[in-house]
């Protein structure tokens, strides 16, 4: 899977770094999301767990021309978001 990242103009680094998230963690979540749903303005929102056990939300836009995903941001879920995720998973099984 090809990924491109939004570059923060202040740091010239991927924006996800501001949230303490690495490119590898984003790749792990996007490879096996727990949830992947429509977001705003054509974006998608994936939620998943990294190999290290962190739960992340990744906002991205599929690029059908380059077959890449453009990652806008990614950040760790807070405790209430993790509880809501567990509840949704429990209700769907």
PDB file of N, CA and C in Angstrom:
ATOM      1  N   UNK A   1       0.845  -1.164   0.000  1.00  0.00           N
ATOM      2  CA  UNK A   1       0.000   0.000   0.000  1.00  0.00           C
ATOM      3  C   UNK A   1       0.902   1.243   0.000  1.00  0.00           C
ATOM      4  N   UNK A   2       0.644   2.130  -0.948  1.00  0.00           N
ATOM      5  CA  UNK A   2       1.418   3.367  -1.027  1.00  0.00           C
ATOM      6  C   UNK A   2       0.737   4.439  -0.192  1.00  0.00           C
ATOM      7  N   UNK A   3       1.523   5.103   0.640  1.00  0.00           N
ATOM      8  CA  UNK A   3       0.996   6.171   1.475  1.00  0.00           C
ATOM      9  C   UNK A   3       1.748   7.462   1.197  1.00  0.00           C
ATOM     10  N   UNK A   4       0.995   8.540   1.186  1.00  0.00           N
ATOM     11  CA  UNK A   4       1.574   9.880   1.149  1.00  0.00           C
ATOM     12  C   UNK A   4       1.025  10.606   2.371  1.00  0.00           C
ATOM     13  N   UNK A   5       1.799  11.512   2.930  1.00  0.00           N
ATOM     14  CA  UNK A   5       1.414  12.172   4.168  1.00  0.00           C
ATOM     15  C   UNK A   5       1.336  13.679   3.997  1.00  0.00           C
ATOM     16  N   UNK A   6       0.342  14.284   4.661  1.00  0.00           N
ATOM     17  CA  UNK A   6       0.265  15.736   4.715  1.00  0.00           C
ATOM     18  C   UNK A   6       1.482  16.227   5.488  1.00  0.00           C
ATOM     19  N   UNK A   7       2.219  17.163   4.909  1.00  0.00           N
ATOM     20  CA  UNK A   7       3.416  17.713   5.536  1.00  0.00           C
ATOM     21  C   UNK A   7       3.049  19.008   6.248  1.00  0.00           C
ATOM     22  N   UNK A   8       3.338  19.061   7.521  1.00  0.00           N
ATOM     23  CA  UNK A   8       3.082  20.243   8.332  1.00  0.00           C
ATOM     24  C   UNK A   8       4.032  21.354   7.882  1.00  0.00           C
ATOM     25  N   UNK A   9       3.513  22.499   7.458  1.00  0.00           N
ATOM     26  CA  UNK A   9       4.394  23.553   6.959  1.00  0.00           C
ATOM     27  C   UNK A   9       5.324  24.130   8.032  1.00  0.00           C
ATOM     28  N   UNK A  10       4.938  24.034   9.308  1.00  0.00           N
ATOM     29  CA  UNK A  10       5.783  24.558  10.381  1.00  0.00           C
ATOM     30  C   UNK A  10       6.999  23.686  10.649  1.00  0.00           C
ATOM     31  N   UNK A  11       6.823  22.365  10.540  1.00  0.00           N
ATOM     32  CA  UNK A  11       7.907  21.442  10.887  1.00  0.00           C
ATOM     33  C   UNK A  11       8.530  20.759   9.677  1.00  0.00           C
ATOM     34  N   UNK A  12       7.825  20.827   8.539  1.00  0.00           N
ATOM     35  CA  UNK A  12       8.241  20.124   7.319  1.00  0.00           C
ATOM     36  C   UNK A  12       8.335  18.610   7.534  1.00  0.00           C
ATOM     37  N   UNK A  13       7.566  18.108   8.478  1.00  0.00           N
ATOM     38  CA  UNK A  13       7.461  16.677   8.790  1.00  0.00           C
ATOM     39  C   UNK A  13       5.997  16.266   8.615  1.00  0.00           C
ATOM     40  N   UNK A  14       5.734  14.958   8.472  1.00  0.00           N
ATOM     41  CA  UNK A  14       4.332  14.524   8.425  1.00  0.00           C
ATOM     42  C   UNK A  14       3.566  15.019   9.654  1.00  0.00           C
ATOM     43  N   UNK A  15       2.354  15.503   9.426  1.00  0.00           N
ATOM     44  CA  UNK A  15       1.528  16.061  10.508  1.00  0.00           C
ATOM     45  C   UNK A  15       1.307  15.053  11.635  1.00  0.00           C
ATOM     46  N   UNK A  16       1.280  13.779  11.317  1.00  0.00           N
ATOM     47  CA  UNK A  16       1.043  12.746  12.340  1.00  0.00           C
ATOM     48  C   UNK A  16       2.088  12.801  13.447  1.00  0.00           C
ATOM     49  N   UNK A  17       3.280  13.295  13.150  1.00  0.00           N
ATOM     50  CA  UNK A  17       4.336  13.374  14.165  1.00  0.00           C
ATOM     51  C   UNK A  17       3.946  14.302  15.309  1.00  0.00           C
ATOM     52  N   UNK A  18       3.140  15.327  15.004  1.00  0.00           N
ATOM     53  CA  UNK A  18       2.672  16.228  16.080  1.00  0.00           C
ATOM     54  C   UNK A  18       1.839  15.485  17.108  1.00  0.00           C
ATOM     55  N   UNK A  19       1.266  14.370  16.704  1.00  0.00           N
ATOM     56  CA  UNK A  19       0.419  13.578  17.594  1.00  0.00           C
ATOM     57  C   UNK A  19       1.146  12.348  18.134  1.00  0.00           C
ATOM     58  N   UNK A  20       2.447  12.275  17.903  1.00  0.00           N
ATOM     59  CA  UNK A  20       3.222  11.147  18.408  1.00  0.00           C
ATOM     60  C   UNK A  20       2.962   9.847  17.673  1.00  0.00           C
ATOM     61  N   UNK A  21       2.567   9.941  16.418  1.00  0.00           N
ATOM     62  CA  UNK A  21       2.240   8.761  15.612  1.00  0.00           C
ATOM     63  C   UNK A  21       3.283   8.622  14.505  1.00  0.00           C
ATOM     64  N   UNK A  22       3.718   7.400  14.259  1.00  0.00           N
ATOM     65  CA  UNK A  22       4.717   7.150  13.212  1.00  0.00           C
ATOM     66  C   UNK A  22       4.045   6.670  11.924  1.00  0.00           C
ATOM     67  N   UNK A  23       4.804   6.746  10.843  1.00  0.00           N
ATOM     68  CA  UNK A  23       4.312   6.264   9.554  1.00  0.00           C
ATOM     69  C   UNK A  23       4.010   4.766   9.618  1.00  0.00           C
ATOM     70  N   UNK A  24       4.843   4.005  10.322  1.00  0.00           N
ATOM     71  CA  UNK A  24       4.625   2.564  10.452  1.00  0.00           C
ATOM     72  C   UNK A  24       3.312   2.269  11.175  1.00  0.00           C
ATOM     73  N   UNK A  25       3.008   3.034  12.225  1.00  0.00           N
ATOM     74  CA  UNK A  25       1.749   2.818  12.945  1.00  0.00           C
ATOM     75  C   UNK A  25       0.546   3.093  12.039  1.00  0.00           C
ATOM     76  N   UNK A  26       0.625   4.140  11.233  1.00  0.00           N
ATOM     77  CA  UNK A  26      -0.460   4.430  10.289  1.00  0.00           C
ATOM     78  C   UNK A  26      -0.626   3.265   9.323  1.00  0.00           C
ATOM     79  N   UNK A  27       0.472   2.766   8.814  1.00  0.00           N
ATOM     80  CA  UNK A  27       0.419   1.640   7.883  1.00  0.00           C
ATOM     81  C   UNK A  27      -0.225   0.419   8.546  1.00  0.00           C
ATOM     82  N   UNK A  28       0.109   0.158   9.800  1.00  0.00           N
ATOM     83  CA  UNK A  28      -0.478  -0.984  10.513  1.00  0.00           C
ATOM     84  C   UNK A  28      -1.992  -0.836  10.638  1.00  0.00           C
ATOM     85  N   UNK A  29      -2.455   0.355  10.979  1.00  0.00           N
ATOM     86  CA  UNK A  29      -3.898   0.584  11.137  1.00  0.00           C
ATOM     87  C   UNK A  29      -4.615   0.462   9.793  1.00  0.00           C
ATOM     88  N   UNK A  30      -4.040   1.057   8.756  1.00  0.00           N
ATOM     89  CA  UNK A  30      -4.702   1.015   7.453  1.00  0.00           C
ATOM     90  C   UNK A  30      -4.682  -0.382   6.822  1.00  0.00           C
ATOM     91  N   UNK A  31      -3.718  -1.195   7.192  1.00  0.00           N
ATOM     92  CA  UNK A  31      -3.654  -2.558   6.663  1.00  0.00           C
ATOM     93  C   UNK A  31      -4.757  -3.441   7.249  1.00  0.00           C
ATOM     94  N   UNK A  32      -5.137  -3.172   8.503  1.00  0.00           N
ATOM     95  CA  UNK A  32      -6.150  -3.991   9.179  1.00  0.00           C
ATOM     96  C   UNK A  32      -7.027  -3.137  10.084  1.00  0.00           C
ATOM     97  N   UNK A  33      -7.829  -2.252   9.513  1.00  0.00           N
ATOM     98  CA  UNK A  33      -8.663  -1.390  10.362  1.00  0.00           C
ATOM     99  C   UNK A  33      -9.775  -2.180  11.050  1.00  0.00           C
ATOM    100  N   UNK A  34     -10.101  -1.767  12.241  1.00  0.00           N
ATOM    101  CA  UNK A  34     -11.266  -2.317  12.946  1.00  0.00           C
ATOM    102  C   UNK A  34     -12.523  -1.704  12.351  1.00  0.00           C
ATOM    103  N   UNK A  35     -12.457  -0.405  12.083  1.00  0.00           N
ATOM    104  CA  UNK A  35     -13.540   0.325  11.431  1.00  0.00           C
ATOM    105  C   UNK A  35     -12.943   1.198  10.339  1.00  0.00           C
ATOM    106  N   UNK A  36     -13.688   1.399   9.276  1.00  0.00           N
ATOM    107  CA  UNK A  36     -13.289   2.301   8.204  1.00  0.00           C
ATOM    108  C   UNK A  36     -14.579   2.904   7.662  1.00  0.00           C
ATOM    109  N   UNK A  37     -14.783   4.188   7.905  1.00  0.00           N
ATOM    110  CA  UNK A  37     -16.054   4.806   7.562  1.00  0.00           C
ATOM    111  C   UNK A  37     -15.843   6.121   6.823  1.00  0.00           C
ATOM    112  N   UNK A  38     -16.888   6.593   6.142  1.00  0.00           N
ATOM    113  CA  UNK A  38     -16.774   7.879   5.446  1.00  0.00           C
ATOM    114  C   UNK A  38     -16.571   9.015   6.441  1.00  0.00           C
ATOM    115  N   UNK A  39     -15.746   9.965   6.043  1.00  0.00           N
ATOM    116  CA  UNK A  39     -15.542  11.172   6.831  1.00  0.00           C
ATOM    117  C   UNK A  39     -16.118  12.357   6.085  1.00  0.00           C
ATOM    118  N   UNK A  40     -15.503  13.507   6.260  1.00  0.00           N
ATOM    119  CA  UNK A  40     -15.964  14.734   5.605  1.00  0.00           C
ATOM    120  C   UNK A  40     -15.256  14.948   4.277  1.00  0.00           C
ATOM    121  N   UNK A  41     -15.961  15.544   3.352  1.00  0.00           N
ATOM    122  CA  UNK A  41     -15.406  16.013   2.079  1.00  0.00           C
ATOM    123  C   UNK A  41     -14.583  14.952   1.343  1.00  0.00           C
ATOM    124  N   UNK A  42     -15.100  13.731   1.294  1.00  0.00           N
ATOM    125  CA  UNK A  42     -14.443  12.659   0.555  1.00  0.00           C
ATOM    126  C   UNK A  42     -13.375  11.912   1.326  1.00  0.00           C
ATOM    127  N   UNK A  43     -13.111  12.336   2.545  1.00  0.00           N
ATOM    128  CA  UNK A  43     -12.112  11.642   3.377  1.00  0.00           C
ATOM    129  C   UNK A  43     -12.727  10.382   3.972  1.00  0.00           C
ATOM    130  N   UNK A  44     -11.874   9.525   4.468  1.00  0.00           N
ATOM    131  CA  UNK A  44     -12.293   8.333   5.185  1.00  0.00           C
ATOM    132  C   UNK A  44     -11.605   8.333   6.539  1.00  0.00           C
ATOM    133  N   UNK A  45     -12.195   7.621   7.500  1.00  0.00           N
ATOM    134  CA  UNK A  45     -11.660   7.551   8.854  1.00  0.00           C
ATOM    135  C   UNK A  45     -11.512   6.086   9.228  1.00  0.00           C
ATOM    136  N   UNK A  46     -10.280   5.687   9.458  1.00  0.00           N
ATOM    137  CA  UNK A  46      -9.996   4.316   9.876  1.00  0.00           C
ATOM    138  C   UNK A  46      -9.613   4.324  11.350  1.00  0.00           C
ATOM    139  N   UNK A  47     -10.111   3.336  12.063  1.00  0.00           N
ATOM    140  CA  UNK A  47      -9.741   3.139  13.466  1.00  0.00           C
ATOM    141  C   UNK A  47      -9.174   1.745  13.572  1.00  0.00           C
ATOM    142  N   UNK A  48      -8.051   1.642  14.262  1.00  0.00           N
ATOM    143  CA  UNK A  48      -7.438   0.330  14.403  1.00  0.00           C
ATOM    144  C   UNK A  48      -6.410   0.306  15.503  1.00  0.00           C
ATOM    145  N   UNK A  49      -5.846  -0.864  15.666  1.00  0.00           N
ATOM    146  CA  UNK A  49      -4.871  -1.099  16.729  1.00  0.00           C
ATOM    147  C   UNK A  49      -3.517  -1.401  16.112  1.00  0.00           C
ATOM    148  N   UNK A  50      -2.482  -0.785  16.650  1.00  0.00           N
ATOM    149  CA  UNK A  50      -1.127  -1.051  16.174  1.00  0.00           C
ATOM    150  C   UNK A  50      -0.606  -2.342  16.807  1.00  0.00           C
ATOM    151  N   UNK A  51       0.496  -2.843  16.304  1.00  0.00           N
ATOM    152  CA  UNK A  51       1.094  -4.045  16.898  1.00  0.00           C
ATOM    153  C   UNK A  51       1.505  -3.811  18.345  1.00  0.00           C
ATOM    154  N   UNK A  52       1.829  -2.563  18.673  1.00  0.00           N
ATOM    155  CA  UNK A  52       2.225  -2.219  20.043  1.00  0.00           C
ATOM    156  C   UNK A  52       1.021  -2.056  20.964  1.00  0.00           C
ATOM    157  N   UNK A  53      -0.202  -2.117  20.401  1.00  0.00           N
ATOM    158  CA  UNK A  53      -1.403  -2.050  21.218  1.00  0.00           C
ATOM    159  C   UNK A  53      -2.062  -0.688  21.294  1.00  0.00           C
ATOM    160  N   UNK A  54      -1.550   0.295  20.590  1.00  0.00           N
ATOM    161  CA  UNK A  54      -2.172   1.618  20.594  1.00  0.00           C
ATOM    162  C   UNK A  54      -3.373   1.622  19.654  1.00  0.00           C
ATOM    163  N   UNK A  55      -4.438   2.289  20.066  1.00  0.00           N
ATOM    164  CA  UNK A  55      -5.617   2.473  19.220  1.00  0.00           C
ATOM    165  C   UNK A  55      -5.522   3.852  18.582  1.00  0.00           C
ATOM    166  N   UNK A  56      -5.553   3.875  17.246  1.00  0.00           N
ATOM    167  CA  UNK A  56      -5.405   5.120  16.510  1.00  0.00           C
ATOM    168  C   UNK A  56      -6.590   5.378  15.596  1.00  0.00           C
ATOM    169  N   UNK A  57      -6.839   6.662  15.365  1.00  0.00           N
ATOM    170  CA  UNK A  57      -7.784   7.095  14.335  1.00  0.00           C
ATOM    171  C   UNK A  57      -6.937   7.741  13.246  1.00  0.00           C
ATOM    172  N   UNK A  58      -7.137   7.318  12.002  1.00  0.00           N
ATOM    173  CA  UNK A  58      -6.377   7.834  10.865  1.00  0.00           C
ATOM    174  C   UNK A  58      -7.365   8.397   9.855  1.00  0.00           C
ATOM    175  N   UNK A  59      -7.167   9.662   9.494  1.00  0.00           N
ATOM    176  CA  UNK A  59      -8.002  10.330   8.506  1.00  0.00           C
ATOM    177  C   UNK A  59      -7.202  10.376   7.209  1.00  0.00           C
ATOM    178  N   UNK A  60      -7.824   9.869   6.134  1.00  0.00           N
ATOM    179  CA  UNK A  60      -7.106   9.785   4.861  1.00  0.00           C
ATOM    180  C   UNK A  60      -8.061   9.979   3.699  1.00  0.00           C
ATOM    181  N   UNK A  61      -7.470  10.226   2.530  1.00  0.00           N
ATOM    182  CA  UNK A  61      -8.236  10.371   1.293  1.00  0.00           C
ATOM    183  C   UNK A  61      -7.666   9.387   0.284  1.00  0.00           C
ATOM    184  N   UNK A  62      -8.487   8.500  -0.264  1.00  0.00           N
ATOM    185  CA  UNK A  62      -8.007   7.602  -1.319  1.00  0.00           C
ATOM    186  C   UNK A  62      -7.747   8.405  -2.599  1.00  0.00           C
ATOM    187  N   UNK A  63      -6.658   8.109  -3.267  1.00  0.00           N
ATOM    188  CA  UNK A  63      -6.340   8.743  -4.547  1.00  0.00           C
ATOM    189  C   UNK A  63      -6.466   7.676  -5.629  1.00  0.00           C
ATOM    190  N   UNK A  64      -7.586   7.662  -6.363  1.00  0.00           N
ATOM    191  CA  UNK A  64      -7.820   6.598  -7.339  1.00  0.00           C
ATOM    192  C   UNK A  64      -6.847   6.624  -8.514  1.00  0.00           C
ATOM    193  N   UNK A  65      -6.241   7.768  -8.787  1.00  0.00           N
ATOM    194  CA  UNK A  65      -5.341   7.874  -9.928  1.00  0.00           C
ATOM    195  C   UNK A  65      -3.977   7.259  -9.640  1.00  0.00           C
ATOM    196  N   UNK A  66      -3.452   7.503  -8.441  1.00  0.00           N
ATOM    197  CA  UNK A  66      -2.121   6.967  -8.114  1.00  0.00           C
ATOM    198  C   UNK A  66      -2.214   5.683  -7.297  1.00  0.00           C
ATOM    199  N   UNK A  67      -3.438   5.293  -6.936  1.00  0.00           N
ATOM    200  CA  UNK A  67      -3.669   4.105  -6.099  1.00  0.00           C
ATOM    201  C   UNK A  67      -2.936   4.215  -4.768  1.00  0.00           C
ATOM    202  N   UNK A  68      -2.763   5.440  -4.300  1.00  0.00           N
ATOM    203  CA  UNK A  68      -2.139   5.704  -3.009  1.00  0.00           C
ATOM    204  C   UNK A  68      -3.201   6.252  -2.058  1.00  0.00           C
ATOM    205  N   UNK A  69      -2.858   6.277  -0.784  1.00  0.00           N
ATOM    206  CA  UNK A  69      -3.707   6.908   0.213  1.00  0.00           C
ATOM    207  C   UNK A  69      -2.976   8.136   0.719  1.00  0.00           C
ATOM    208  N   UNK A  70      -3.684   9.264   0.766  1.00  0.00           N
ATOM    209  CA  UNK A  70      -3.112  10.500   1.282  1.00  0.00           C
ATOM    210  C   UNK A  70      -3.566  10.645   2.725  1.00  0.00           C
ATOM    211  N   UNK A  71      -2.630  10.512   3.661  1.00  0.00           N
ATOM    212  CA  UNK A  71      -2.933  10.556   5.093  1.00  0.00           C
ATOM    213  C   UNK A  71      -2.901  12.005   5.558  1.00  0.00           C
ATOM    214  N   UNK A  72      -4.031  12.457   6.072  1.00  0.00           N
ATOM    215  CA  UNK A  72      -4.146  13.830   6.547  1.00  0.00           C
ATOM    216  C   UNK A  72      -3.653  13.926   7.984  1.00  0.00           C
ATOM    217  N   UNK A  73      -4.153  13.060   8.844  1.00  0.00           N
ATOM    218  CA  UNK A  73      -3.739  13.067  10.243  1.00  0.00           C
ATOM    219  C   UNK A  73      -3.981  11.705  10.868  1.00  0.00           C
ATOM    220  N   UNK A  74      -3.434  11.510  12.035  1.00  0.00           N
ATOM    221  CA  UNK A  74      -3.638  10.298  12.809  1.00  0.00           C
ATOM    222  C   UNK A  74      -3.322  10.604  14.256  1.00  0.00           C
ATOM    223  N   UNK A  75      -4.117  10.041  15.146  1.00  0.00           N
ATOM    224  CA  UNK A  75      -3.895  10.313  16.564  1.00  0.00           C
ATOM    225  C   UNK A  75      -4.455   9.173  17.400  1.00  0.00           C
ATOM    226  N   UNK A  76      -3.974   9.100  18.638  1.00  0.00           N
ATOM    227  CA  UNK A  76      -4.395   8.044  19.543  1.00  0.00           C
ATOM    228  C   UNK A  76      -5.800   8.338  20.065  1.00  0.00           C
ATOM    229  N   UNK A  77      -6.598   7.291  20.204  1.00  0.00           N
ATOM    230  CA  UNK A  77      -7.946   7.440  20.750  1.00  0.00           C
ATOM    231  C   UNK A  77      -7.864   7.714  22.243  1.00  0.00           C
ATOM    232  N   UNK A  78      -8.758   8.575  22.706  1.00  0.00           N
ATOM    233  CA  UNK A  78      -8.893   8.801  24.137  1.00  0.00           C
ATOM    234  C   UNK A  78      -9.673   7.656  24.776  1.00  0.00           C
ATOM    235  N   UNK A  79      -9.747   7.667  26.080  1.00  0.00           N
ATOM    236  CA  UNK A  79     -10.423   6.576  26.800  1.00  0.00           C
ATOM    237  C   UNK A  79     -11.900   6.461  26.439  1.00  0.00           C
ATOM    238  N   UNK A  80     -12.605   7.584  26.310  1.00  0.00           N
ATOM    239  CA  UNK A  80     -14.040   7.499  25.985  1.00  0.00           C
ATOM    240  C   UNK A  80     -14.243   6.967  24.570  1.00  0.00           C
ATOM    241  N   UNK A  81     -13.365   7.332  23.638  1.00  0.00           N
ATOM    242  CA  UNK A  81     -13.470   6.815  22.266  1.00  0.00           C
ATOM    243  C   UNK A  81     -13.174   5.318  22.237  1.00  0.00           C
ATOM    244  N   UNK A  82     -12.244   4.860  23.060  1.00  0.00           N
ATOM    245  CA  UNK A  82     -11.962   3.415  23.122  1.00  0.00           C
ATOM    246  C   UNK A  82     -13.143   2.655  23.709  1.00  0.00           C
ATOM    247  N   UNK A  83     -13.774   3.219  24.734  1.00  0.00           N
ATOM    248  CA  UNK A  83     -14.963   2.569  25.312  1.00  0.00           C
ATOM    249  C   UNK A  83     -16.076   2.483  24.275  1.00  0.00           C
ATOM    250  N   UNK A  84     -16.290   3.557  23.522  1.00  0.00           N
ATOM    251  CA  UNK A  84     -17.331   3.565  22.491  1.00  0.00           C
ATOM    252  C   UNK A  84     -17.022   2.537  21.404  1.00  0.00           C
ATOM    253  N   UNK A  85     -15.754   2.417  21.017  1.00  0.00           N
ATOM    254  CA  UNK A  85     -15.352   1.419  20.021  1.00  0.00           C
ATOM    255  C   UNK A  85     -15.639   0.012  20.530  1.00  0.00           C
ATOM    256  N   UNK A  86     -15.256  -0.264  21.773  1.00  0.00           N
ATOM    257  CA  UNK A  86     -15.519  -1.599  22.352  1.00  0.00           C
ATOM    258  C   UNK A  86     -17.021  -1.891  22.381  1.00  0.00           C
ATOM    259  N   UNK A  87     -17.821  -0.893  22.733  1.00  0.00           N
ATOM    260  CA  UNK A  87     -19.273  -1.077  22.778  1.00  0.00           C
ATOM    261  C   UNK A  87     -19.832  -1.353  21.381  1.00  0.00           C
ATOM    262  N   UNK A  88     -19.393  -0.601  20.372  1.00  0.00           N
ATOM    263  CA  UNK A  88     -19.856  -0.847  19.000  1.00  0.00           C
ATOM    264  C   UNK A  88     -19.477  -2.244  18.532  1.00  0.00           C
ATOM    265  N   UNK A  89     -18.249  -2.677  18.852  1.00  0.00           N
ATOM    266  CA  UNK A  89     -17.815  -4.016  18.454  1.00  0.00           C
ATOM    267  C   UNK A  89     -18.625  -5.085  19.151  1.00  0.00           C
ATOM    268  N   UNK A  90     -18.919  -4.874  20.432  1.00  0.00           N
ATOM    269  CA  UNK A  90     -19.699  -5.837  21.196  1.00  0.00           C
ATOM    270  C   UNK A  90     -21.131  -5.940  20.658  1.00  0.00           C
ATOM    271  N   UNK A  91     -21.706  -4.809  20.293  1.00  0.00           N
ATOM    272  CA  UNK A  91     -23.085  -4.796  19.786  1.00  0.00           C
ATOM    273  C   UNK A  91     -23.177  -5.405  18.395  1.00  0.00           C
ATOM    274  N   UNK A  92     -22.108  -5.347  17.623  1.00  0.00           N
ATOM    275  CA  UNK A  92     -22.154  -5.891  16.252  1.00  0.00           C
ATOM    276  C   UNK A  92     -21.834  -7.381  16.192  1.00  0.00           C
ATOM    277  N   UNK A  93     -21.372  -7.939  17.297  1.00  0.00           N
ATOM    278  CA  UNK A  93     -21.045  -9.386  17.254  1.00  0.00           C
ATOM    279  C   UNK A  93     -22.134 -10.243  17.842  1.00  0.00           C
TER     280      UNK A  93
END
